Protein backbone atom coordinates (compact mmCIF):
# COMPACT_ATOMS: atom_id res chain seq x y z
CA MET A 1 -0.22 0.14 -0.06
CA SER A 2 2.96 2.53 0.63
CA ASP A 3 4.32 2.05 -2.55
CA SER A 4 1.25 3.65 -3.92
CA VAL A 5 1.74 7.22 -2.16
CA ASP A 6 3.69 9.85 -3.87
CA LYS A 7 5.92 11.12 -1.11
CA ASN A 8 6.24 15.24 -1.46
CA PRO A 9 10.15 16.61 -1.60
CA TRP A 10 9.11 19.02 1.20
CA SER A 11 8.71 16.44 3.60
CA ALA A 12 12.10 17.38 5.75
CA LEU A 13 10.26 20.53 6.50
CA ARG A 14 7.35 19.15 8.62
CA GLN A 15 10.07 19.04 11.56
CA PHE A 16 9.62 22.96 11.89
CA THR A 17 5.80 23.28 11.71
CA SER A 18 2.60 21.91 12.95
CA ALA A 19 1.11 22.60 9.98
CA ARG A 20 -0.03 20.53 7.06
CA ILE A 21 2.06 20.40 4.68
CA ALA A 22 4.43 17.76 2.37
CA LEU A 23 1.66 14.72 2.90
CA GLY A 24 1.98 13.47 -0.04
CA ARG A 25 -0.40 12.10 -2.52
CA ALA A 26 -2.41 8.46 -2.87
CA GLY A 27 -3.60 9.32 -6.78
CA HIS A 28 -5.04 12.83 -6.75
CA SER A 29 -6.21 12.12 -2.65
CA LEU A 30 -4.42 12.58 0.30
CA PRO A 31 -3.10 9.02 1.70
CA THR A 32 -5.32 7.51 4.29
CA ALA A 33 -2.81 8.24 7.67
CA PRO A 34 -3.26 11.82 6.94
CA LEU A 35 -6.70 12.10 5.77
CA LEU A 36 -7.63 10.14 9.03
CA ALA A 37 -5.41 12.48 11.50
CA PHE A 38 -7.41 15.48 9.31
CA ASN A 39 -11.15 14.04 10.46
CA LEU A 40 -9.30 13.50 13.88
CA SER A 41 -8.26 17.28 14.00
CA HIS A 42 -11.96 18.21 13.04
CA ALA A 43 -13.78 16.51 15.17
CA GLN A 44 -11.22 17.49 17.84
CA ALA A 45 -11.55 21.40 17.16
CA ARG A 46 -15.92 20.90 16.98
CA ASP A 47 -15.74 18.95 20.81
CA ALA A 48 -13.72 21.54 21.66
CA VAL A 49 -16.66 24.57 20.65
CA HIS A 50 -19.27 22.08 22.43
CA HIS A 51 -17.55 20.61 25.56
CA PRO A 52 -18.69 22.35 28.68
CA LEU A 53 -16.40 24.15 31.08
CA ASP A 54 -16.08 21.85 34.23
CA THR A 55 -15.99 25.17 36.53
CA GLU A 56 -16.17 22.72 40.20
CA ALA A 57 -12.51 21.11 38.89
CA LEU A 58 -11.24 25.05 37.57
CA HIS A 59 -12.48 26.69 41.71
CA GLN A 60 -10.87 23.45 43.36
CA GLN A 61 -7.40 24.66 41.40
CA LEU A 62 -7.91 28.07 41.70
CA HIS A 63 -8.62 27.72 45.75
CA ALA A 64 -5.24 25.21 45.66
CA LEU A 65 -3.45 28.81 45.26
CA SER A 66 -5.15 30.45 47.44
CA LEU A 67 -7.05 32.63 45.36
CA ARG A 68 -10.55 33.59 45.81
CA THR A 69 -13.47 33.06 43.29
CA LEU A 70 -16.37 34.01 42.11
CA ASP A 71 -18.81 31.84 39.61
CA VAL A 72 -20.67 33.84 36.99
CA HIS A 73 -22.63 32.95 33.48
CA SER A 74 -23.40 34.96 30.87
CA ALA A 75 -27.12 35.76 29.63
CA ALA A 76 -26.98 32.67 27.03
CA PRO A 77 -28.54 29.98 28.93
CA ASP A 78 -26.97 26.96 26.87
CA ARG A 79 -24.60 26.48 24.39
CA GLU A 80 -26.86 26.54 21.52
CA HIS A 81 -28.26 30.07 22.17
CA TYR A 82 -24.63 30.94 23.12
CA LEU A 83 -23.49 29.78 19.29
CA ARG A 84 -26.16 31.39 17.79
CA ARG A 85 -26.60 34.71 19.88
CA PRO A 86 -23.19 36.24 19.98
CA ASP A 87 -25.24 39.41 22.16
CA LEU A 88 -26.15 37.56 24.83
CA GLY A 89 -22.92 36.02 25.93
CA ARG A 90 -21.15 39.34 26.02
CA ARG A 91 -23.75 40.29 29.06
CA LEU A 92 -24.48 39.36 32.24
CA SER A 93 -27.57 37.27 33.45
CA ASP A 94 -29.21 38.53 36.08
CA GLU A 95 -28.33 36.54 38.83
CA SER A 96 -24.77 37.20 37.92
CA ARG A 97 -25.21 40.80 37.94
CA ASP A 98 -26.99 40.92 41.08
CA ALA A 99 -24.01 38.70 42.44
CA LEU A 100 -21.50 40.88 41.58
CA ALA A 101 -22.98 44.29 42.83
CA GLN A 102 -22.27 42.64 46.39
CA PHE A 103 -18.41 43.23 45.35
CA LYS A 104 -18.53 46.72 44.03
CA ASP A 105 -16.75 48.31 47.36
CA GLU A 106 -13.56 46.02 46.59
CA SER A 107 -12.03 48.60 43.69
CA PRO A 108 -9.72 46.33 42.63
CA ASP A 109 -6.66 47.35 40.49
CA LEU A 110 -7.20 44.16 38.86
CA VAL A 111 -9.78 41.43 38.04
CA PHE A 112 -9.16 38.25 36.20
CA VAL A 113 -11.74 36.32 34.34
CA ILE A 114 -11.64 32.56 32.83
CA GLY A 115 -14.30 32.19 29.98
CA ASP A 116 -15.23 28.75 28.06
CA GLY A 117 -15.48 31.07 25.23
CA LEU A 118 -15.19 28.57 22.36
CA SER A 119 -12.68 26.29 23.71
CA ALA A 120 -13.45 25.21 27.52
CA PHE A 121 -10.31 22.89 27.05
CA ALA A 122 -8.07 25.78 27.20
CA ALA A 123 -9.76 27.37 29.71
CA SER A 124 -9.32 24.30 31.58
CA LYS A 125 -6.08 23.82 30.72
CA GLN A 126 -3.99 26.83 30.17
CA ALA A 127 -5.43 29.43 32.68
CA VAL A 128 -4.29 28.08 35.86
CA PRO A 129 -0.77 27.62 34.56
CA LEU A 130 -0.62 31.69 33.28
CA LEU A 131 -2.07 33.08 36.17
CA GLN A 132 0.53 30.37 38.44
CA ALA A 133 2.96 32.38 36.39
CA VAL A 134 2.14 35.49 36.29
CA LEU A 135 0.64 36.38 39.82
CA PRO A 136 4.45 36.33 41.62
CA GLN A 137 5.43 39.49 39.39
CA LEU A 138 2.05 41.53 40.25
CA ALA A 139 2.21 41.41 44.48
CA ASP A 140 2.18 45.23 44.20
CA TRP A 141 -1.64 45.32 42.95
CA LYS A 142 -5.06 44.42 44.58
CA ILE A 143 -6.60 41.99 42.80
CA ALA A 144 -9.98 40.98 42.82
CA PRO A 145 -11.32 36.92 43.18
CA VAL A 146 -10.82 35.53 40.14
CA VAL A 147 -14.12 35.05 38.08
CA VAL A 148 -15.15 31.90 36.24
CA ALA A 149 -17.65 32.79 33.53
CA ARG A 150 -19.75 30.31 31.62
CA GLN A 151 -21.11 31.27 28.21
CA ALA A 152 -18.25 33.82 27.75
CA ARG A 153 -17.18 36.14 25.12
CA VAL A 154 -14.41 38.84 25.61
CA ALA A 155 -16.61 41.67 26.40
CA LEU A 156 -18.14 40.01 29.72
CA GLY A 157 -15.30 40.62 31.20
CA ASP A 158 -16.30 45.14 30.41
CA GLU A 159 -19.58 44.78 32.61
CA ILE A 160 -17.94 42.11 35.31
CA GLY A 161 -15.09 44.77 35.78
CA GLU A 162 -17.29 47.39 35.89
CA LEU A 163 -19.53 45.86 38.39
CA LEU A 164 -16.70 45.45 40.52
CA HIS A 165 -15.23 49.00 39.88
CA ALA A 166 -11.51 47.17 38.65
CA LYS A 167 -9.47 49.54 36.56
CA ILE A 168 -7.73 46.77 34.51
CA VAL A 169 -10.11 43.49 33.39
CA VAL A 170 -8.09 40.61 31.64
CA MET A 171 -10.17 38.13 29.80
CA LEU A 172 -8.28 34.34 29.93
CA ILE A 173 -10.49 33.25 27.52
CA GLY A 174 -10.79 30.07 24.61
CA GLU A 175 -9.90 30.91 21.23
CA ARG A 176 -11.79 29.56 18.19
CA PRO A 177 -10.07 25.86 18.14
CA GLY A 178 -7.59 25.51 15.04
CA LEU A 179 -6.74 22.16 12.87
CA SER A 180 -3.94 21.52 15.53
CA SER A 181 -4.87 23.93 18.36
CA PRO A 182 -8.28 23.20 20.07
CA ASP A 183 -7.17 24.13 23.45
CA SER A 184 -5.53 27.30 22.96
CA LEU A 185 -6.30 30.62 24.89
CA GLY A 186 -6.64 34.15 24.41
CA VAL A 187 -5.92 37.03 27.05
CA TYR A 188 -7.78 40.34 26.54
CA LEU A 189 -6.60 43.40 28.73
CA THR A 190 -8.93 46.30 28.90
CA TYR A 191 -8.04 49.13 31.11
CA ALA A 192 -11.34 51.06 32.65
CA PRO A 193 -13.72 48.42 31.61
CA LYS A 194 -17.29 49.06 31.20
CA VAL A 195 -20.00 48.46 28.99
CA GLY A 196 -19.62 49.76 25.67
CA CYS A 197 -16.08 48.95 25.24
CA SER A 198 -14.83 48.83 21.83
CA ASP A 199 -11.77 46.23 21.03
CA ALA A 200 -10.15 48.82 19.80
CA GLN A 201 -9.48 49.55 23.61
CA ARG A 202 -8.29 46.24 24.44
CA ASN A 203 -4.41 44.68 23.75
CA CYS A 204 -4.80 40.85 22.71
CA ILE A 205 -1.84 37.87 23.84
CA SER A 206 -2.68 35.00 21.58
CA ASN A 207 -2.01 31.47 21.22
CA VAL A 208 -1.37 30.67 24.85
CA ARG A 209 -0.64 27.48 25.03
CA PRO A 210 2.86 25.03 25.60
CA GLU A 211 3.38 24.24 22.06
CA GLY A 212 2.41 28.31 21.44
CA LEU A 213 3.67 31.16 23.24
CA ASP A 214 4.29 29.42 26.65
CA TYR A 215 3.93 30.21 30.24
CA PRO A 216 6.60 32.46 31.05
CA LEU A 217 6.78 34.05 27.91
CA ALA A 218 3.15 35.15 28.28
CA ALA A 219 3.50 35.67 31.54
CA HIS A 220 5.98 38.26 30.42
CA LYS A 221 4.58 39.87 28.17
CA LEU A 222 0.99 40.02 30.47
CA HIS A 223 3.49 42.06 32.95
CA TYR A 224 4.31 43.99 30.90
CA LEU A 225 1.55 45.24 29.43
CA LEU A 226 -0.57 45.70 32.95
CA THR A 227 2.49 47.46 34.32
CA HIS A 228 2.40 50.22 31.26
CA ALA A 229 -1.25 50.30 31.08
CA ARG A 230 -1.32 51.05 34.69
CA ARG A 231 0.81 53.87 34.25
CA LEU A 232 -0.46 55.51 31.06
CA GLY A 233 -4.15 54.79 32.21
CA LEU A 234 -4.67 52.83 28.57
CA THR A 235 -5.23 49.76 26.91
CA GLY A 236 -5.65 49.13 22.83
CA VAL A 237 -4.14 50.48 20.03
CA GLY A 238 -2.03 53.48 22.06
CA LEU A 239 -0.26 50.56 24.17
CA LYS A 240 2.54 48.82 22.45
CA ASP A 241 4.12 45.61 23.19
CA ASP A 242 8.25 46.14 23.39
CA SER A 243 8.05 43.09 26.18
CA ASP A 244 10.67 41.11 23.95
CA ALA A 245 13.32 43.54 23.91
CA LEU A 246 13.53 43.36 27.62
CA LEU A 247 14.41 39.96 27.53
CA GLN A 248 17.92 39.21 28.07
CA ALA A 249 17.82 35.62 26.42
CA ALA A 250 14.97 36.08 24.49
CA PRO A 251 13.78 32.10 23.68
CA ALA A 252 13.43 30.98 20.50
CA ALA A 253 10.18 31.64 19.27
CA PRO A 254 7.94 28.36 18.13
CA ALA A 255 6.96 28.07 14.65
CA ILE A 256 3.54 28.28 15.47
CA GLY A 257 3.81 30.65 18.79
CA GLY A 258 1.03 33.37 19.26
CA ALA A 259 2.18 36.95 19.62
CA ALA A 260 1.33 40.14 21.70
CA SER A 261 -0.99 42.56 19.65
CA THR A 262 -1.59 46.09 19.99
CA HIS A 263 -4.60 46.11 17.66
CA PRO A 264 -7.72 46.06 17.48
CA GLN A 265 -8.90 42.04 17.51
CA SER A 266 -11.99 40.28 16.61
CA ASP A 267 -13.66 37.76 19.66
CA PRO A 268 -12.07 33.90 19.36
CA ALA A 269 -15.42 33.11 20.70
CA GLY A 270 -17.09 33.66 17.50
CA PRO A 271 -20.76 31.88 16.52
CA ASP A 272 -19.41 28.67 15.02
CA ALA A 273 -15.83 27.00 15.02
CA ASN A 274 -15.14 28.30 11.38
CA ALA A 275 -15.71 31.91 12.23
CA SER A 276 -14.88 34.64 14.84
CA ALA A 277 -17.03 37.64 15.88
CA THR A 278 -17.69 40.17 18.37
């Protein structure tokens, strides 16, 4: 069977990327093994979109780090409404809004929100290790309880931050799954969060995962952006990421690594697994 497969001369390049290149061909189609691998990746991406966030396990992990937590839900009552009605994922349910109002007197410098977005896998796997990496660098910050949000989109953090009177909100949210990355985490920073903030008022660090932008480097970028956001009193297009210049010995960037963006970002938690929308 292997004799019928025409190998691609670029096959040696596959060691440098997880992208689907140099797969060879069998007649006019892909060989069986790459085709089955593609179907598996597609199934994993679809599963990531529909898999529910295990909030109980996430709260336990956060409590093990001596972090206080809060649990909220967007106005989307279930996954079907969440995917069909992006607007509902950007606002809190009435019950969650009332619950957060009890903490309004804390007025923290910073609140972290962990949202399922389009990949609960990402929120479950990447959010806590990233917090472990960045929190030691934020000893002089007044930090609110970590908010765990279900059926969440990026803009949900704006209402959470506004209700808590937080100076900055950081949304850790599952990005739209790709065929090689069903568990990629996005990090969105917004200064002076309030309902109605635009994407131009945010900064984004994307593709946080061990195979992409690893936790130490993501934490370094996040700390840099937070420090300068507080100093300048802004995030978004006015806040540039020059964090790489501070690295004494910058690690080699992975071929599929993420990056911090100073430009408006579309919400990774879009209406389906093949598109994103704010």
